[in-house]
Amino acid sequence: MRRLILTVGAVCVAMLLSAPVFAQVPPDPNNPNEQVPEKYTYTPYGENIKLDQAKKVAEAAMAEATRRGWPMCISVVNTSGELVYFEKMDECQYASIDISQHKARAAARFRRPTLVFERLMGKGPFFAYLPTLGDAFTASRGGNPIIVGGKIIGAIGVSGGTGSQDDTISQAGAAALK
């Protein structure tokens, strides 16, 4: 028993003496995340998108996708990212069902186009934390907030083509209620 007490005591002393090793890492002046803005600007949430509005958004996106001949999955969500309306064109890959919903959810919950995250991820290691933001995080273009009267009422997510194709269709849908 005495040996156990001495061992535990030695471990505690060692931990106490090594505490400075766990000191805070100094800020990196090259890291853009170290900048503290004076004001945080954002687009506020409005009332949730209604079903008839969601259908109108999806119809505009579907019309643009059909005109271009790009088979897409189109998801429209409310402000909290919950699905309100979904359409899958014939020949759209099955993986795009979930991807379109994830893009829409990310655009609604983070109040910005998913293209923003894609571009930040491309800026290098200072943005490596982004995937830790949770299951709503998606860094692939094609998700855009739906803004009416200066407020976000929902978002659209599109998947099925390249990122730029997805974003083109998503923007066409998001513009339907302006």
Protein backbone atom coordinates (compact mmCIF):
# COMPACT_ATOMS: atom_id res chain seq x y z
CA MET A 1 0.00 0.00 0.00
CA ARG A 2 2.85 2.32 0.86
CA ARG A 3 4.40 1.68 -2.54
CA LEU A 4 1.09 2.63 -4.24
CA ILE A 5 0.88 5.89 -2.30
CA LEU A 6 4.47 6.78 -3.20
CA THR A 7 3.83 5.99 -6.88
CA VAL A 8 0.66 8.08 -6.98
CA GLY A 9 2.48 10.91 -5.20
CA ALA A 10 5.34 10.78 -7.69
CA VAL A 11 2.92 10.89 -10.62
CA CYS A 12 1.13 13.90 -9.12
CA VAL A 13 4.41 15.75 -8.60
CA ALA A 14 5.47 14.96 -12.17
CA MET A 15 2.16 16.29 -13.52
CA LEU A 16 2.43 19.42 -11.41
CA LEU A 17 5.94 20.13 -12.66
CA SER A 18 4.98 19.55 -16.30
CA ALA A 19 2.01 21.97 -16.23
CA PRO A 20 3.87 24.72 -18.15
CA VAL A 21 4.18 22.29 -21.07
CA PHE A 22 0.42 22.61 -21.57
CA ALA A 23 0.52 26.40 -21.85
CA GLN A 24 -1.49 28.13 -24.56
CA VAL A 25 0.01 28.22 -28.04
CA PRO A 26 0.85 31.80 -29.08
CA PRO A 27 -1.23 33.29 -31.93
CA ASP A 28 0.06 32.97 -35.47
CA PRO A 29 0.09 36.39 -37.20
CA ASN A 30 -0.33 34.66 -40.59
CA ASN A 31 -3.60 33.00 -39.53
CA PRO A 32 -6.58 35.04 -40.79
CA ASN A 33 -8.71 33.48 -38.05
CA GLU A 34 -6.75 35.45 -35.43
CA GLN A 35 -8.38 38.69 -36.62
CA VAL A 36 -11.29 39.75 -34.40
CA PRO A 37 -13.81 41.79 -36.41
CA GLU A 38 -15.46 44.76 -34.69
CA LYS A 39 -18.91 43.73 -35.95
CA TYR A 40 -20.45 40.47 -37.07
CA THR A 41 -22.66 40.92 -40.11
CA TYR A 42 -25.13 38.28 -41.15
CA THR A 43 -28.43 37.85 -42.93
CA PRO A 44 -31.20 37.32 -40.36
CA TYR A 45 -33.71 34.49 -40.50
CA GLY A 46 -37.30 35.23 -41.49
CA GLU A 47 -40.40 33.08 -41.43
CA ASN A 48 -39.94 29.55 -42.75
CA ILE A 49 -40.50 28.91 -46.42
CA LYS A 50 -43.99 27.65 -47.26
CA LEU A 51 -44.63 24.59 -49.41
CA ASP A 52 -45.93 26.60 -52.38
CA GLN A 53 -42.80 28.78 -52.26
CA ALA A 54 -40.56 25.70 -52.03
CA LYS A 55 -42.27 24.22 -55.08
CA LYS A 56 -41.74 27.48 -56.99
CA VAL A 57 -38.01 27.43 -56.10
CA ALA A 58 -37.71 23.79 -57.17
CA GLU A 59 -39.64 24.44 -60.40
CA ALA A 60 -37.25 27.25 -61.37
CA ALA A 61 -34.25 25.01 -60.64
CA MET A 62 -35.85 22.10 -62.50
CA ALA A 63 -36.59 24.30 -65.53
CA GLU A 64 -32.95 25.43 -65.71
CA ALA A 65 -31.64 21.88 -65.25
CA THR A 66 -33.99 20.56 -67.94
CA ARG A 67 -33.06 23.36 -70.35
CA ARG A 68 -29.38 22.46 -69.92
CA GLY A 69 -29.93 18.70 -69.96
CA TRP A 70 -28.36 18.13 -66.53
CA PRO A 71 -30.07 15.46 -64.39
CA MET A 72 -30.21 16.82 -60.84
CA CYS A 73 -31.60 16.25 -57.36
CA ILE A 74 -33.14 19.38 -55.87
CA SER A 75 -33.83 19.87 -52.17
CA VAL A 76 -35.51 22.83 -50.49
CA VAL A 77 -35.31 23.18 -46.70
CA ASN A 78 -36.64 25.60 -44.10
CA THR A 79 -34.51 27.91 -41.95
CA SER A 80 -33.46 25.10 -39.59
CA GLY A 81 -32.44 22.88 -42.49
CA GLU A 82 -35.40 20.49 -42.39
CA LEU A 83 -36.62 19.19 -45.74
CA VAL A 84 -39.71 20.91 -47.16
CA TYR A 85 -39.61 19.76 -50.80
CA PHE A 86 -37.51 17.38 -52.92
CA GLU A 87 -37.35 16.37 -56.59
CA LYS A 88 -35.11 13.87 -58.34
CA MET A 89 -34.80 14.00 -62.10
CA ASP A 90 -34.61 10.73 -64.02
CA GLU A 91 -31.00 9.60 -64.47
CA CYS A 92 -29.69 11.59 -61.50
CA GLN A 93 -27.25 9.50 -59.47
CA TYR A 94 -28.60 8.14 -56.18
CA ALA A 95 -25.78 9.65 -54.11
CA SER A 96 -27.09 13.09 -55.04
CA ILE A 97 -30.30 12.56 -53.05
CA ASP A 98 -28.48 12.94 -49.73
CA ILE A 99 -25.86 15.34 -51.06
CA SER A 100 -28.49 17.85 -52.24
CA GLN A 101 -30.17 17.74 -48.83
CA HIS A 102 -26.84 18.22 -47.02
CA LYS A 103 -25.99 21.22 -49.21
CA ALA A 104 -29.38 22.83 -48.55
CA ARG A 105 -29.11 22.14 -44.80
CA ALA A 106 -25.62 23.69 -44.63
CA ALA A 107 -26.71 26.80 -46.56
CA ALA A 108 -29.67 27.32 -44.21
CA ARG A 109 -27.97 26.58 -40.91
CA PHE A 110 -24.76 28.49 -41.63
CA ARG A 111 -26.59 31.33 -43.47
CA ARG A 112 -24.25 31.32 -46.46
CA PRO A 113 -23.68 29.56 -49.77
CA THR A 114 -21.73 26.31 -49.49
CA LEU A 115 -19.35 27.78 -52.06
CA VAL A 116 -17.96 29.93 -49.22
CA PHE A 117 -16.81 26.82 -47.35
CA GLU A 118 -15.35 25.28 -50.48
CA ARG A 119 -13.26 28.38 -51.09
CA LEU A 120 -12.12 28.58 -47.46
CA MET A 121 -11.06 24.92 -47.49
CA GLY A 122 -8.93 25.73 -50.54
CA LYS A 123 -7.08 28.46 -48.64
CA GLY A 124 -5.05 25.95 -46.68
CA PRO A 125 -4.38 24.64 -43.20
CA PHE A 126 -5.81 27.62 -41.29
CA PHE A 127 -9.27 26.41 -42.30
CA ALA A 128 -8.73 22.73 -41.52
CA TYR A 129 -11.13 23.12 -38.58
CA LEU A 130 -14.15 23.54 -40.87
CA PRO A 131 -15.04 19.81 -41.12
CA THR A 132 -15.38 19.77 -37.32
CA LEU A 133 -18.43 22.06 -37.49
CA GLY A 134 -20.81 19.10 -37.39
CA ASP A 135 -22.92 16.97 -39.64
CA ALA A 136 -24.54 19.99 -41.32
CA PHE A 137 -21.18 21.11 -42.70
CA THR A 138 -20.74 20.69 -46.47
CA ALA A 139 -17.90 22.30 -48.41
CA SER A 140 -19.22 21.68 -51.89
CA ARG A 141 -20.89 24.32 -54.03
CA GLY A 142 -24.55 23.94 -54.89
CA GLY A 143 -26.23 25.08 -51.66
CA ASN A 144 -27.65 28.61 -51.46
CA PRO A 145 -29.86 30.45 -48.98
CA ILE A 146 -33.26 31.61 -50.20
CA ILE A 147 -33.60 35.26 -49.25
CA VAL A 148 -36.88 37.19 -49.32
CA GLY A 149 -37.16 40.72 -47.98
CA GLY A 150 -33.57 40.63 -46.73
CA LYS A 151 -34.20 37.53 -44.58
CA ILE A 152 -33.39 33.86 -45.05
CA ILE A 153 -36.57 31.79 -45.33
CA GLY A 154 -34.88 28.54 -46.35
CA ALA A 155 -32.26 27.18 -48.69
CA ILE A 156 -31.87 25.10 -51.82
CA GLY A 157 -29.34 22.36 -52.41
CA VAL A 158 -28.61 20.80 -55.79
CA SER A 159 -26.47 17.80 -56.70
CA GLY A 160 -25.99 15.63 -59.74
CA GLY A 161 -23.42 17.39 -61.87
CA THR A 162 -20.12 19.12 -61.33
CA GLY A 163 -19.94 21.63 -58.51
CA SER A 164 -20.31 24.56 -60.89
CA GLN A 165 -23.31 22.92 -62.58
CA ASP A 166 -24.93 22.27 -59.20
CA ASP A 167 -24.37 25.89 -58.17
CA THR A 168 -25.78 27.27 -61.43
CA ILE A 169 -29.02 25.32 -60.92
CA SER A 170 -29.14 26.17 -57.21
CA GLN A 171 -28.80 29.89 -57.92
CA ALA A 172 -31.58 29.71 -60.51
CA GLY A 173 -33.86 28.19 -57.88
CA ALA A 174 -32.86 30.64 -55.14
CA ALA A 175 -33.61 33.58 -57.46
CA ALA A 176 -37.18 32.40 -58.10
CA LEU A 177 -38.66 34.25 -55.12
CA LYS A 178 -36.84 37.56 -55.58
